C-alpha atoms as a PDB file:
ATOM      1  CA  MET A   1      -5.612  15.244  15.179  1.00  0.00           C
ATOM      2  CA  ASP A   2      -5.064  12.010  13.641  1.00  0.00           C
ATOM      3  CA  VAL A   3      -7.157   9.932  11.230  1.00  0.00           C
ATOM      4  CA  ASN A   4      -9.294   7.146  12.553  1.00  0.00           C
ATOM      5  CA  ALA A   5      -7.756   3.769  12.564  1.00  0.00           C
ATOM      6  CA  GLY A   6     -11.180   2.028  11.094  1.00  0.00           C
ATOM      7  CA  ALA A   7     -11.167   4.918   8.018  1.00  0.00           C
ATOM      8  CA  VAL A   8      -7.436   3.628   7.173  1.00  0.00           C
ATOM      9  CA  ALA A   9      -7.942   0.247   7.663  1.00  0.00           C
ATOM     10  CA  GLU A  10     -11.158   0.744   5.121  1.00  0.00           C
ATOM     11  CA  VAL A  11      -8.782   2.424   2.319  1.00  0.00           C
ATOM     12  CA  LEU A  12      -6.785  -0.309   2.052  1.00  0.00           C
ATOM     13  CA  ARG A  13      -9.251  -2.668   2.190  1.00  0.00           C
ATOM     14  CA  GLN A  14     -10.988  -1.321  -0.516  1.00  0.00           C
ATOM     15  CA  HIS A  15      -8.125  -0.592  -2.847  1.00  0.00           C
ATOM     16  CA  ASP A  16      -6.788  -3.847  -2.165  1.00  0.00           C
ATOM     17  CA  PHE A  17      -3.345  -2.246  -1.740  1.00  0.00           C
ATOM     18  CA  PRO A  18      -0.868  -2.054   1.522  1.00  0.00           C
ATOM     19  CA  ILE A  19      -0.082   1.642   1.241  1.00  0.00           C
ATOM     20  CA  LEU A  20      -1.912   4.665   1.948  1.00  0.00           C
ATOM     21  CA  ILE A  21       0.297   8.031   1.688  1.00  0.00           C
ATOM     22  CA  HIS A  22      -1.678  11.287   2.642  1.00  0.00           C
ATOM     23  CA  GLY A  23      -0.653  14.757   3.154  1.00  0.00           C
ATOM     24  CA  HIS A  24      -0.248  16.269   6.918  1.00  0.00           C
ATOM     25  CA  THR A  25      -2.513  15.782   9.873  1.00  0.00           C
ATOM     26  CA  HIS A  26       0.127  17.808  12.171  1.00  0.00           C
ATOM     27  CA  ARG A  27       1.293  13.804  12.961  1.00  0.00           C
ATOM     28  CA  PRO A  28       3.863  13.219  10.383  1.00  0.00           C
ATOM     29  CA  ALA A  29       5.116   9.610  10.526  1.00  0.00           C
ATOM     30  CA  HIS A  30       5.621   6.640   9.255  1.00  0.00           C
ATOM     31  CA  HIS A  31       3.024   3.680  10.669  1.00  0.00           C
ATOM     32  CA  ARG A  32       3.207   0.300   9.968  1.00  0.00           C
ATOM     33  CA  LEU A  33      -0.203  -2.162  10.761  1.00  0.00           C
ATOM     34  CA  ASP A  34      -1.879  -4.840  10.720  1.00  0.00           C
ATOM     35  CA  VAL A  35      -5.318  -4.988   8.148  1.00  0.00           C
ATOM     36  CA  ASP A  36      -7.106  -8.282   8.175  1.00  0.00           C
ATOM     37  CA  GLY A  37      -3.607 -10.394   8.805  1.00  0.00           C
ATOM     38  CA  ARG A  38      -1.743  -8.187   5.832  1.00  0.00           C
ATOM     39  CA  PRO A  39       0.906  -6.407   6.773  1.00  0.00           C
ATOM     40  CA  CYS A  40       0.403  -2.755   5.682  1.00  0.00           C
ATOM     41  CA  GLU A  41       2.104   0.712   5.801  1.00  0.00           C
ATOM     42  CA  ARG A  42       0.522   4.344   6.214  1.00  0.00           C
ATOM     43  CA  TRP A  43       2.489   7.445   5.342  1.00  0.00           C
ATOM     44  CA  VAL A  44       2.127  10.589   6.499  1.00  0.00           C
ATOM     45  CA  LEU A  45       3.832  13.596   4.875  1.00  0.00           C
ATOM     46  CA  SER A  46       4.268  16.861   7.136  1.00  0.00           C
ATOM     47  CA  ASP A  47       3.547  20.261   5.404  1.00  0.00           C
ATOM     48  CA  TRP A  48       6.062  22.393   3.581  1.00  0.00           C
ATOM     49  CA  ARG A  49       7.133  25.036   6.134  1.00  0.00           C
ATOM     50  CA  ASP A  50      10.855  25.188   6.305  1.00  0.00           C
ATOM     51  CA  SER A  51      11.660  22.241   4.103  1.00  0.00           C
ATOM     52  CA  ALA A  52       9.996  20.095   1.962  1.00  0.00           C
ATOM     53  CA  PRO A  53       9.287  16.509   2.741  1.00  0.00           C
ATOM     54  CA  TYR A  54       8.656  13.886   0.321  1.00  0.00           C
ATOM     55  CA  LEU A  55       9.203   9.974  -0.641  1.00  0.00           C
ATOM     56  CA  ALA A  56      11.044   8.327  -2.598  1.00  0.00           C
ATOM     57  CA  TRP A  57      10.984   5.043  -4.604  1.00  0.00           C
ATOM     58  CA  THR A  58      14.277   3.389  -4.281  1.00  0.00           C
ATOM     59  CA  GLY A  59      12.904   0.491  -6.694  1.00  0.00           C
ATOM     60  CA  THR A  60      12.423  -1.741  -3.353  1.00  0.00           C
ATOM     61  CA  GLU A  61      10.744   0.697  -0.654  1.00  0.00           C
ATOM     62  CA  LEU A  62       9.924   3.949   0.104  1.00  0.00           C
ATOM     63  CA  LYS A  63      12.121   6.343   1.797  1.00  0.00           C
ATOM     64  CA  ALA A  64      11.609   9.311   3.630  1.00  0.00           C
ATOM     65  CA  ARG A  65      13.626  12.521   1.824  1.00  0.00           C
ATOM     66  CA  GLU A  66      13.914  16.143   2.382  1.00  0.00           C
ATOM     67  CA  LEU A  67      14.498  19.092   0.802  1.00  0.00           C
ATOM     68  CA  ARG A  68      15.815  22.016   2.073  1.00  0.00           C
END
């Protein structure tokens, strides 16, 4: 199951921030979306079973990383 696209858009609108990061919905991914003409991102992190996925800020962007 994945999150409701309308609910994601509403959270991004309410907080006036273009990035949403949340825990796993069994569909880890990096989604690029448009909310009211504004480019936004949704990062879905996986669970920690065989590895530990996380996001790292490089100073200019988020990068998916993994501890094994």
